[in-house]
């Protein structure tokens, strides 16, 4: 991102490395990698229901296996099958995102008088593109800034696009980058959209979504970011 330094950006928003949570239940790193907890988590019933398991509030080997699989898929650590607050928080967010359906701007918070605009709801961790009141694409799940690196809210504009961008700060690829606020941009990443704790400020997307945004947006198009990411 050598050319981007001329903008004087101090912090570039990109996908962050997963910050491991404190190991639950006193497990050592080796145990966390190889063992499956037998202890009931505080969100046992909710996690069981989400995973389609028998909802009895009791930890079973099958419950643990299903929970560990979910944790592994989304980068939730420690991956020991414990139905804790982080695991349930991700599942609960997924439920809320699914409930949005095809009416992401039902509240009318994203402006409908700007023509083509990309909207980002930090609270629900979703984004979409609309033209007036018409939904053009989405909503899609996104991964925004973690605590201390929050994606900044407000009305902005796409001002620089670089399809094969590489961060000069973190030396990592940022494909399909479309910058809209300092170092914060839409771009694709190779991790789950629900991978905690979040990015360094950018709006992370799957490759499919980022490519679609690249084809639909141009320099000068509006971007509106609102809400607050859970945990920030």
C-alpha atoms as a PDB file:
ATOM      1  CA  UNK A   1       0.000   0.000   0.000  1.00  0.00           C
ATOM      2  CA  UNK A   2       2.926   2.334  -0.729  1.00  0.00           C
ATOM      3  CA  UNK A   3       0.867   4.901  -2.642  1.00  0.00           C
ATOM      4  CA  UNK A   4      -1.657   5.075   0.156  1.00  0.00           C
ATOM      5  CA  UNK A   5       0.859   6.526   2.608  1.00  0.00           C
ATOM      6  CA  UNK A   6       0.471   9.906   0.940  1.00  0.00           C
ATOM      7  CA  UNK A   7      -2.901  10.164   2.600  1.00  0.00           C
ATOM      8  CA  UNK A   8      -1.195  10.280   5.988  1.00  0.00           C
ATOM      9  CA  UNK A   9      -3.165   7.369   7.366  1.00  0.00           C
ATOM     10  CA  UNK A  10      -2.065   6.330  10.820  1.00  0.00           C
ATOM     11  CA  UNK A  11      -4.033   3.133  11.121  1.00  0.00           C
ATOM     12  CA  UNK A  12      -5.089   0.832   8.341  1.00  0.00           C
ATOM     13  CA  UNK A  13      -8.250  -1.198   8.855  1.00  0.00           C
ATOM     14  CA  UNK A  14      -7.636  -4.751   7.813  1.00  0.00           C
ATOM     15  CA  UNK A  15      -8.555  -8.153   9.028  1.00  0.00           C
ATOM     16  CA  UNK A  16      -6.876  -8.897  12.321  1.00  0.00           C
ATOM     17  CA  UNK A  17      -5.319 -11.987  13.717  1.00  0.00           C
ATOM     18  CA  UNK A  18      -7.499 -13.823  16.179  1.00  0.00           C
ATOM     19  CA  UNK A  19      -6.748 -12.738  19.716  1.00  0.00           C
ATOM     20  CA  UNK A  20      -7.015 -15.927  21.800  1.00  0.00           C
ATOM     21  CA  UNK A  21      -9.429 -15.715  24.687  1.00  0.00           C
ATOM     22  CA  UNK A  22      -8.352 -16.785  28.149  1.00  0.00           C
ATOM     23  CA  UNK A  23      -8.472 -20.565  28.211  1.00  0.00           C
ATOM     24  CA  UNK A  24     -11.713 -21.661  29.809  1.00  0.00           C
ATOM     25  CA  UNK A  25     -11.950 -24.208  32.567  1.00  0.00           C
ATOM     26  CA  UNK A  26      -8.232 -24.039  33.335  1.00  0.00           C
ATOM     27  CA  UNK A  27      -7.239 -26.010  30.239  1.00  0.00           C
ATOM     28  CA  UNK A  28      -3.671 -25.774  29.019  1.00  0.00           C
ATOM     29  CA  UNK A  29      -3.038 -24.878  25.331  1.00  0.00           C
ATOM     30  CA  UNK A  30      -2.231 -28.517  24.596  1.00  0.00           C
ATOM     31  CA  UNK A  31      -5.416 -29.699  26.281  1.00  0.00           C
ATOM     32  CA  UNK A  32      -7.477 -27.073  24.477  1.00  0.00           C
ATOM     33  CA  UNK A  33      -6.195 -28.359  21.164  1.00  0.00           C
ATOM     34  CA  UNK A  34      -6.875 -32.023  21.858  1.00  0.00           C
ATOM     35  CA  UNK A  35      -9.565 -32.367  24.519  1.00  0.00           C
ATOM     36  CA  UNK A  36     -13.304 -31.884  24.562  1.00  0.00           C
ATOM     37  CA  UNK A  37     -14.764 -30.448  27.732  1.00  0.00           C
ATOM     38  CA  UNK A  38     -17.385 -32.412  29.640  1.00  0.00           C
ATOM     39  CA  UNK A  39     -18.615 -29.334  31.475  1.00  0.00           C
ATOM     40  CA  UNK A  40     -21.917 -27.633  30.811  1.00  0.00           C
ATOM     41  CA  UNK A  41     -21.627 -24.077  29.498  1.00  0.00           C
ATOM     42  CA  UNK A  42     -23.766 -21.123  30.605  1.00  0.00           C
ATOM     43  CA  UNK A  43     -25.454 -21.080  27.180  1.00  0.00           C
ATOM     44  CA  UNK A  44     -25.814 -24.825  26.859  1.00  0.00           C
ATOM     45  CA  UNK A  45     -29.488 -24.901  25.854  1.00  0.00           C
ATOM     46  CA  UNK A  46     -29.174 -22.023  23.394  1.00  0.00           C
ATOM     47  CA  UNK A  47     -26.157 -23.622  21.718  1.00  0.00           C
ATOM     48  CA  UNK A  48     -27.859 -27.010  21.585  1.00  0.00           C
ATOM     49  CA  UNK A  49     -30.909 -25.485  19.910  1.00  0.00           C
ATOM     50  CA  UNK A  50     -28.816 -23.587  17.366  1.00  0.00           C
ATOM     51  CA  UNK A  51     -26.880 -26.733  16.452  1.00  0.00           C
ATOM     52  CA  UNK A  52     -30.021 -28.881  16.186  1.00  0.00           C
ATOM     53  CA  UNK A  53     -29.036 -30.975  19.183  1.00  0.00           C
ATOM     54  CA  UNK A  54     -31.480 -32.314  21.828  1.00  0.00           C
ATOM     55  CA  UNK A  55     -32.159 -29.317  24.085  1.00  0.00           C
ATOM     56  CA  UNK A  56     -31.663 -30.770  27.558  1.00  0.00           C
ATOM     57  CA  UNK A  57     -29.065 -28.401  28.980  1.00  0.00           C
ATOM     58  CA  UNK A  58     -26.642 -31.261  29.575  1.00  0.00           C
ATOM     59  CA  UNK A  59     -23.252 -31.527  27.909  1.00  0.00           C
ATOM     60  CA  UNK A  60     -22.798 -34.742  25.936  1.00  0.00           C
ATOM     61  CA  UNK A  61     -19.956 -35.998  23.781  1.00  0.00           C
ATOM     62  CA  UNK A  62     -22.061 -35.292  20.690  1.00  0.00           C
ATOM     63  CA  UNK A  63     -22.876 -31.776  21.919  1.00  0.00           C
ATOM     64  CA  UNK A  64     -19.203 -31.087  22.476  1.00  0.00           C
ATOM     65  CA  UNK A  65     -18.227 -32.423  19.062  1.00  0.00           C
ATOM     66  CA  UNK A  66     -20.822 -30.253  17.304  1.00  0.00           C
ATOM     67  CA  UNK A  67     -19.828 -27.181  19.318  1.00  0.00           C
ATOM     68  CA  UNK A  68     -16.119 -27.739  18.643  1.00  0.00           C
ATOM     69  CA  UNK A  69     -16.810 -28.049  14.928  1.00  0.00           C
ATOM     70  CA  UNK A  70     -18.628 -24.709  14.968  1.00  0.00           C
ATOM     71  CA  UNK A  71     -15.844 -23.069  16.985  1.00  0.00           C
ATOM     72  CA  UNK A  72     -13.176 -24.402  14.657  1.00  0.00           C
ATOM     73  CA  UNK A  73     -15.028 -23.203  11.552  1.00  0.00           C
ATOM     74  CA  UNK A  74     -15.305 -19.651  12.859  1.00  0.00           C
ATOM     75  CA  UNK A  75     -11.997 -19.295  14.707  1.00  0.00           C
ATOM     76  CA  UNK A  76     -13.475 -19.211  18.211  1.00  0.00           C
ATOM     77  CA  UNK A  77     -10.882 -20.086  20.847  1.00  0.00           C
ATOM     78  CA  UNK A  78     -10.339 -22.141  22.903  1.00  0.00           C
ATOM     79  CA  UNK A  79     -11.821 -24.828  20.672  1.00  0.00           C
ATOM     80  CA  UNK A  80     -12.948 -27.187  23.421  1.00  0.00           C
ATOM     81  CA  UNK A  81     -16.697 -27.455  22.833  1.00  0.00           C
ATOM     82  CA  UNK A  82     -17.672 -25.207  25.731  1.00  0.00           C
ATOM     83  CA  UNK A  83     -20.990 -23.366  25.293  1.00  0.00           C
ATOM     84  CA  UNK A  84     -19.675 -20.025  26.522  1.00  0.00           C
ATOM     85  CA  UNK A  85     -20.621 -16.398  25.815  1.00  0.00           C
ATOM     86  CA  UNK A  86     -18.412 -15.929  22.747  1.00  0.00           C
ATOM     87  CA  UNK A  87     -19.767 -19.028  21.015  1.00  0.00           C
ATOM     88  CA  UNK A  88     -23.353 -18.124  21.796  1.00  0.00           C
ATOM     89  CA  UNK A  89     -22.716 -14.487  20.850  1.00  0.00           C
ATOM     90  CA  UNK A  90     -21.700 -15.555  17.354  1.00  0.00           C
ATOM     91  CA  UNK A  91     -24.702 -17.848  17.018  1.00  0.00           C
ATOM     92  CA  UNK A  92     -27.086 -15.182  18.306  1.00  0.00           C
ATOM     93  CA  UNK A  93     -25.706 -12.684  15.793  1.00  0.00           C
ATOM     94  CA  UNK A  94     -26.227 -15.218  13.002  1.00  0.00           C
ATOM     95  CA  UNK A  95     -29.858 -15.608  14.084  1.00  0.00           C
ATOM     96  CA  UNK A  96     -30.378 -11.839  14.000  1.00  0.00           C
ATOM     97  CA  UNK A  97     -28.734 -11.538  10.586  1.00  0.00           C
ATOM     98  CA  UNK A  98     -30.941 -14.291   9.189  1.00  0.00           C
ATOM     99  CA  UNK A  99     -34.059 -12.549  10.550  1.00  0.00           C
ATOM    100  CA  UNK A 100     -33.258  -9.443   8.471  1.00  0.00           C
ATOM    101  CA  UNK A 101     -34.152 -11.245   5.258  1.00  0.00           C
ATOM    102  CA  UNK A 102     -34.338  -8.920   2.270  1.00  0.00           C
ATOM    103  CA  UNK A 103     -35.306  -5.793   4.206  1.00  0.00           C
ATOM    104  CA  UNK A 104     -31.999  -4.647   5.747  1.00  0.00           C
ATOM    105  CA  UNK A 105     -33.044  -0.990   5.726  1.00  0.00           C
ATOM    106  CA  UNK A 106     -36.437  -1.538   7.327  1.00  0.00           C
ATOM    107  CA  UNK A 107     -35.593   1.082   9.951  1.00  0.00           C
ATOM    108  CA  UNK A 108     -34.734   3.622   7.248  1.00  0.00           C
ATOM    109  CA  UNK A 109     -31.419   4.513   8.902  1.00  0.00           C
ATOM    110  CA  UNK A 110     -29.411   4.259   5.677  1.00  0.00           C
ATOM    111  CA  UNK A 111     -30.189   7.291   3.448  1.00  0.00           C
ATOM    112  CA  UNK A 112     -32.569   6.665   0.555  1.00  0.00           C
ATOM    113  CA  UNK A 113     -32.014  10.073  -1.092  1.00  0.00           C
ATOM    114  CA  UNK A 114     -28.445   9.475  -2.266  1.00  0.00           C
ATOM    115  CA  UNK A 115     -28.976   7.124  -5.170  1.00  0.00           C
ATOM    116  CA  UNK A 116     -26.430   4.287  -5.217  1.00  0.00           C
ATOM    117  CA  UNK A 117     -25.068   3.815  -1.672  1.00  0.00           C
ATOM    118  CA  UNK A 118     -23.338   1.074   0.295  1.00  0.00           C
ATOM    119  CA  UNK A 119     -24.797   0.674   3.780  1.00  0.00           C
ATOM    120  CA  UNK A 120     -23.030  -0.888   6.791  1.00  0.00           C
ATOM    121  CA  UNK A 121     -24.977  -1.808   9.926  1.00  0.00           C
ATOM    122  CA  UNK A 122     -22.339  -2.331  12.619  1.00  0.00           C
ATOM    123  CA  UNK A 123     -24.846  -3.607  15.176  1.00  0.00           C
ATOM    124  CA  UNK A 124     -25.961  -6.496  12.973  1.00  0.00           C
ATOM    125  CA  UNK A 125     -22.633  -6.813  11.127  1.00  0.00           C
ATOM    126  CA  UNK A 126     -24.251  -6.712   7.704  1.00  0.00           C
ATOM    127  CA  UNK A 127     -23.824  -4.600   4.587  1.00  0.00           C
ATOM    128  CA  UNK A 128     -25.804  -4.064   1.410  1.00  0.00           C
ATOM    129  CA  UNK A 129     -26.021  -1.793  -1.610  1.00  0.00           C
ATOM    130  CA  UNK A 130     -29.202   0.098  -2.385  1.00  0.00           C
ATOM    131  CA  UNK A 131     -30.321   2.624  -4.969  1.00  0.00           C
ATOM    132  CA  UNK A 132     -32.861   4.888  -3.373  1.00  0.00           C
ATOM    133  CA  UNK A 133     -35.276   2.501  -1.682  1.00  0.00           C
ATOM    134  CA  UNK A 134     -34.401  -0.379  -4.015  1.00  0.00           C
ATOM    135  CA  UNK A 135     -32.136  -3.148  -2.731  1.00  0.00           C
ATOM    136  CA  UNK A 136     -29.397  -3.788  -5.313  1.00  0.00           C
ATOM    137  CA  UNK A 137     -27.292  -6.419  -3.537  1.00  0.00           C
ATOM    138  CA  UNK A 138     -27.195  -8.113  -0.142  1.00  0.00           C
ATOM    139  CA  UNK A 139     -27.455  -8.016   2.727  1.00  0.00           C
ATOM    140  CA  UNK A 140     -24.222  -9.922   3.358  1.00  0.00           C
ATOM    141  CA  UNK A 141     -22.454 -10.610   6.666  1.00  0.00           C
ATOM    142  CA  UNK A 142     -19.356  -8.507   7.260  1.00  0.00           C
ATOM    143  CA  UNK A 143     -16.565  -8.337   9.821  1.00  0.00           C
ATOM    144  CA  UNK A 144     -15.839  -4.831  11.082  1.00  0.00           C
ATOM    145  CA  UNK A 145     -13.421  -3.178  13.508  1.00  0.00           C
ATOM    146  CA  UNK A 146     -12.700  -4.742  16.876  1.00  0.00           C
ATOM    147  CA  UNK A 147     -12.650  -2.835  20.166  1.00  0.00           C
ATOM    148  CA  UNK A 148     -10.092  -0.041  19.888  1.00  0.00           C
ATOM    149  CA  UNK A 149     -10.114  -0.192  16.075  1.00  0.00           C
ATOM    150  CA  UNK A 150     -13.784   0.533  15.443  1.00  0.00           C
ATOM    151  CA  UNK A 151     -15.046   1.149  11.930  1.00  0.00           C
ATOM    152  CA  UNK A 152     -15.920   4.843  11.973  1.00  0.00           C
ATOM    153  CA  UNK A 153     -19.557   5.815  11.551  1.00  0.00           C
ATOM    154  CA  UNK A 154     -21.108   8.455   9.319  1.00  0.00           C
ATOM    155  CA  UNK A 155     -21.593   9.342   5.665  1.00  0.00           C
ATOM    156  CA  UNK A 156     -18.507   8.792   3.510  1.00  0.00           C
ATOM    157  CA  UNK A 157     -17.516   8.264  -0.127  1.00  0.00           C
ATOM    158  CA  UNK A 158     -15.457   5.690  -1.974  1.00  0.00           C
ATOM    159  CA  UNK A 159     -12.345   7.622  -3.002  1.00  0.00           C
ATOM    160  CA  UNK A 160      -9.715   5.031  -3.949  1.00  0.00           C
ATOM    161  CA  UNK A 161      -9.934   1.502  -5.352  1.00  0.00           C
ATOM    162  CA  UNK A 162      -7.136  -1.025  -5.728  1.00  0.00           C
ATOM    163  CA  UNK A 163      -8.045  -4.550  -6.798  1.00  0.00           C
ATOM    164  CA  UNK A 164      -4.752  -6.185  -5.720  1.00  0.00           C
ATOM    165  CA  UNK A 165      -3.936  -4.018  -2.736  1.00  0.00           C
ATOM    166  CA  UNK A 166      -1.377  -5.129  -0.133  1.00  0.00           C
ATOM    167  CA  UNK A 167      -1.104  -3.407   3.238  1.00  0.00           C
ATOM    168  CA  UNK A 168       2.258  -1.756   3.820  1.00  0.00           C
ATOM    169  CA  UNK A 169       1.542  -1.743   7.554  1.00  0.00           C
ATOM    170  CA  UNK A 170       0.680  -5.421   8.028  1.00  0.00           C
ATOM    171  CA  UNK A 171       2.099  -6.822   4.773  1.00  0.00           C
ATOM    172  CA  UNK A 172      -1.068  -8.787   4.030  1.00  0.00           C
ATOM    173  CA  UNK A 173      -3.187  -8.849   0.868  1.00  0.00           C
ATOM    174  CA  UNK A 174      -6.424  -6.838   0.781  1.00  0.00           C
ATOM    175  CA  UNK A 175      -8.099  -7.938  -2.469  1.00  0.00           C
ATOM    176  CA  UNK A 176     -10.799  -5.728  -4.014  1.00  0.00           C
ATOM    177  CA  UNK A 177     -10.027  -2.812  -1.702  1.00  0.00           C
ATOM    178  CA  UNK A 178     -12.361   0.160  -1.896  1.00  0.00           C
ATOM    179  CA  UNK A 179     -11.310   2.871   0.558  1.00  0.00           C
ATOM    180  CA  UNK A 180     -13.961   5.161   1.998  1.00  0.00           C
ATOM    181  CA  UNK A 181     -12.492   6.653   5.211  1.00  0.00           C
ATOM    182  CA  UNK A 182      -8.757   7.070   5.765  1.00  0.00           C
ATOM    183  CA  UNK A 183      -7.346   3.540   5.848  1.00  0.00           C
ATOM    184  CA  UNK A 184     -10.766   1.883   6.174  1.00  0.00           C
ATOM    185  CA  UNK A 185     -12.028  -0.030   3.189  1.00  0.00           C
ATOM    186  CA  UNK A 186     -14.240  -2.794   1.917  1.00  0.00           C
ATOM    187  CA  UNK A 187     -12.071  -5.797   1.017  1.00  0.00           C
ATOM    188  CA  UNK A 188     -12.103  -9.578   1.011  1.00  0.00           C
ATOM    189  CA  UNK A 189     -10.476 -11.831   3.599  1.00  0.00           C
ATOM    190  CA  UNK A 190      -9.930 -15.550   3.908  1.00  0.00           C
ATOM    191  CA  UNK A 191     -11.444 -16.009   7.358  1.00  0.00           C
ATOM    192  CA  UNK A 192     -14.995 -16.472   8.603  1.00  0.00           C
ATOM    193  CA  UNK A 193     -17.123 -13.345   8.772  1.00  0.00           C
ATOM    194  CA  UNK A 194     -17.875 -14.310  12.372  1.00  0.00           C
ATOM    195  CA  UNK A 195     -14.224 -14.752  13.354  1.00  0.00           C
ATOM    196  CA  UNK A 196     -13.659 -12.806  16.592  1.00  0.00           C
ATOM    197  CA  UNK A 197     -12.668 -10.246  17.602  1.00  0.00           C
ATOM    198  CA  UNK A 198     -12.854  -8.392  14.263  1.00  0.00           C
ATOM    199  CA  UNK A 199     -10.759  -6.302  11.878  1.00  0.00           C
ATOM    200  CA  UNK A 200      -8.527  -3.296  12.447  1.00  0.00           C
ATOM    201  CA  UNK A 201     -11.287  -1.063  11.104  1.00  0.00           C
ATOM    202  CA  UNK A 202     -11.985  -2.282   7.587  1.00  0.00           C
ATOM    203  CA  UNK A 203     -15.216  -3.878   6.478  1.00  0.00           C
ATOM    204  CA  UNK A 204     -14.158  -7.456   5.737  1.00  0.00           C
ATOM    205  CA  UNK A 205     -16.148  -9.517   3.239  1.00  0.00           C
ATOM    206  CA  UNK A 206     -16.087 -12.869   1.542  1.00  0.00           C
ATOM    207  CA  UNK A 207     -14.420 -12.890  -1.864  1.00  0.00           C
ATOM    208  CA  UNK A 208     -17.806 -13.299  -3.543  1.00  0.00           C
ATOM    209  CA  UNK A 209     -19.265 -10.248  -1.813  1.00  0.00           C
ATOM    210  CA  UNK A 210     -16.132  -8.126  -2.277  1.00  0.00           C
ATOM    211  CA  UNK A 211     -16.070  -8.888  -6.019  1.00  0.00           C
ATOM    212  CA  UNK A 212     -19.731  -7.913  -6.303  1.00  0.00           C
ATOM    213  CA  UNK A 213     -19.112  -4.650  -4.435  1.00  0.00           C
ATOM    214  CA  UNK A 214     -16.183  -3.999  -6.770  1.00  0.00           C
ATOM    215  CA  UNK A 215     -18.446  -4.378  -9.792  1.00  0.00           C
ATOM    216  CA  UNK A 216     -21.244  -2.232  -8.370  1.00  0.00           C
ATOM    217  CA  UNK A 217     -19.392   0.688  -6.747  1.00  0.00           C
ATOM    218  CA  UNK A 218     -17.274   3.459  -8.232  1.00  0.00           C
ATOM    219  CA  UNK A 219     -15.191   6.332  -6.891  1.00  0.00           C
ATOM    220  CA  UNK A 220     -17.542   8.969  -5.530  1.00  0.00           C
ATOM    221  CA  UNK A 221     -20.269   6.538  -4.482  1.00  0.00           C
ATOM    222  CA  UNK A 222     -21.657   7.079  -1.003  1.00  0.00           C
ATOM    223  CA  UNK A 223     -21.068   4.802   1.978  1.00  0.00           C
ATOM    224  CA  UNK A 224     -23.058   5.079   5.199  1.00  0.00           C
ATOM    225  CA  UNK A 225     -21.884   3.364   8.385  1.00  0.00           C
ATOM    226  CA  UNK A 226     -24.031   3.302  11.507  1.00  0.00           C
ATOM    227  CA  UNK A 227     -24.680   1.375  14.711  1.00  0.00           C
ATOM    228  CA  UNK A 228     -22.191  -0.239  17.072  1.00  0.00           C
ATOM    229  CA  UNK A 229     -20.433  -3.568  16.761  1.00  0.00           C
ATOM    230  CA  UNK A 230     -21.184  -5.926  19.656  1.00  0.00           C
ATOM    231  CA  UNK A 231     -18.315  -5.891  22.123  1.00  0.00           C
ATOM    232  CA  UNK A 232     -17.014  -2.419  21.226  1.00  0.00           C
END
